N, C-alpha and C. Protein backbone atom coordinates (compact mmCIF):
# COMPACT_ATOMS: atom_id res chain seq x y z
N MET A 1 0.83 -1.21 0.00
CA MET A 1 0.00 0.00 0.00
C MET A 1 0.87 1.26 0.00
N ILE A 2 1.89 1.27 0.85
CA ILE A 2 2.76 2.45 0.93
C ILE A 2 3.51 2.65 -0.40
N SER A 3 3.99 1.55 -0.98
CA SER A 3 4.74 1.68 -2.23
C SER A 3 3.85 2.20 -3.36
N LEU A 4 2.57 1.83 -3.34
CA LEU A 4 1.64 2.31 -4.37
C LEU A 4 1.47 3.82 -4.25
N LEU A 5 1.32 4.30 -3.03
CA LEU A 5 1.20 5.74 -2.81
C LEU A 5 2.48 6.46 -3.24
N LYS A 6 3.62 5.85 -2.94
CA LYS A 6 4.90 6.44 -3.31
C LYS A 6 5.01 6.57 -4.83
N GLN A 7 4.59 5.51 -5.53
CA GLN A 7 4.65 5.52 -6.99
C GLN A 7 3.76 6.62 -7.55
N GLN A 8 2.56 6.73 -7.01
CA GLN A 8 1.62 7.75 -7.47
C GLN A 8 2.20 9.14 -7.22
N ASP A 9 2.81 9.32 -6.07
CA ASP A 9 3.40 10.61 -5.72
C ASP A 9 4.52 10.97 -6.71
N ASP A 10 5.33 9.99 -7.08
CA ASP A 10 6.41 10.23 -8.04
C ASP A 10 5.85 10.64 -9.40
N GLU A 11 4.76 9.98 -9.82
CA GLU A 11 4.15 10.31 -11.11
C GLU A 11 3.62 11.73 -11.10
N ILE A 12 2.96 12.10 -10.02
CA ILE A 12 2.42 13.46 -9.89
C ILE A 12 3.57 14.46 -9.91
N HIS A 13 4.64 14.13 -9.21
CA HIS A 13 5.79 15.03 -9.12
C HIS A 13 6.43 15.25 -10.49
N SER A 14 6.60 14.17 -11.27
CA SER A 14 7.22 14.32 -12.59
C SER A 14 6.30 15.09 -13.53
N LEU A 15 5.00 14.86 -13.42
CA LEU A 15 4.04 15.60 -14.25
C LEU A 15 4.10 17.08 -13.89
N TYR A 16 4.18 17.36 -12.59
CA TYR A 16 4.24 18.75 -12.12
C TYR A 16 5.49 19.46 -12.64
N SER A 17 6.62 18.76 -12.64
CA SER A 17 7.85 19.40 -13.11
C SER A 17 7.83 19.62 -14.62
N VAL A 18 7.15 18.73 -15.36
CA VAL A 18 7.02 18.92 -16.81
C VAL A 18 6.19 20.17 -17.07
N ILE A 19 5.06 20.30 -16.36
CA ILE A 19 4.19 21.47 -16.53
C ILE A 19 4.94 22.75 -16.15
N THR A 20 5.68 22.70 -15.05
CA THR A 20 6.40 23.88 -14.58
C THR A 20 7.45 24.33 -15.61
N SER A 21 8.21 23.38 -16.14
CA SER A 21 9.23 23.75 -17.13
C SER A 21 8.59 24.28 -18.40
N TYR A 22 7.42 23.74 -18.77
CA TYR A 22 6.70 24.24 -19.95
C TYR A 22 6.26 25.68 -19.72
N GLN A 23 5.71 25.95 -18.54
CA GLN A 23 5.25 27.31 -18.22
C GLN A 23 6.42 28.30 -18.24
N ILE A 24 7.58 27.88 -17.74
CA ILE A 24 8.75 28.75 -17.73
C ILE A 24 9.17 29.08 -19.17
N LYS A 25 9.17 28.05 -20.04
CA LYS A 25 9.54 28.28 -21.44
C LYS A 25 8.57 29.25 -22.10
N GLU A 26 7.28 29.06 -21.87
CA GLU A 26 6.27 29.94 -22.47
C GLU A 26 6.44 31.37 -21.97
N ARG A 27 6.70 31.53 -20.68
CA ARG A 27 6.88 32.87 -20.11
C ARG A 27 8.10 33.54 -20.72
N MET A 28 9.18 32.79 -20.92
CA MET A 28 10.39 33.36 -21.53
C MET A 28 10.10 33.79 -22.96
N LYS A 29 9.31 32.99 -23.70
CA LYS A 29 8.94 33.36 -25.07
C LYS A 29 8.17 34.68 -25.06
N LEU A 30 7.20 34.79 -24.16
CA LEU A 30 6.38 36.00 -24.08
C LEU A 30 7.24 37.20 -23.72
N GLU A 31 8.17 37.02 -22.80
CA GLU A 31 9.03 38.14 -22.39
C GLU A 31 9.90 38.59 -23.56
N ARG A 32 10.42 37.63 -24.32
CA ARG A 32 11.25 37.96 -25.47
C ARG A 32 10.44 38.74 -26.49
N ARG A 33 9.20 38.31 -26.73
CA ARG A 33 8.33 38.98 -27.68
C ARG A 33 8.03 40.41 -27.19
N GLY A 34 7.79 40.54 -25.88
CA GLY A 34 7.51 41.85 -25.30
C GLY A 34 8.70 42.79 -25.44
N ASN A 35 9.91 42.26 -25.27
CA ASN A 35 11.11 43.08 -25.40
C ASN A 35 11.26 43.60 -26.83
N LYS A 36 10.90 42.78 -27.81
CA LYS A 36 11.00 43.21 -29.21
C LYS A 36 10.07 44.38 -29.47
N HIS A 37 8.87 44.35 -28.89
CA HIS A 37 7.90 45.43 -29.10
C HIS A 37 8.40 46.74 -28.49
N ASP A 38 9.15 46.66 -27.39
CA ASP A 38 9.63 47.87 -26.74
C ASP A 38 10.62 48.63 -27.62
N LYS A 39 11.42 47.90 -28.40
CA LYS A 39 12.46 48.55 -29.19
C LYS A 39 11.93 49.21 -30.45
């Protein structure tokens, strides 16, 4: 039972880090686009 919960927690954690890195990439793209408009 404990190992099943641990496995589920690891899956959630890896999914969370994938989403987080995707959001960071998107934010960097938007910032770069915004900087171009300023110039």
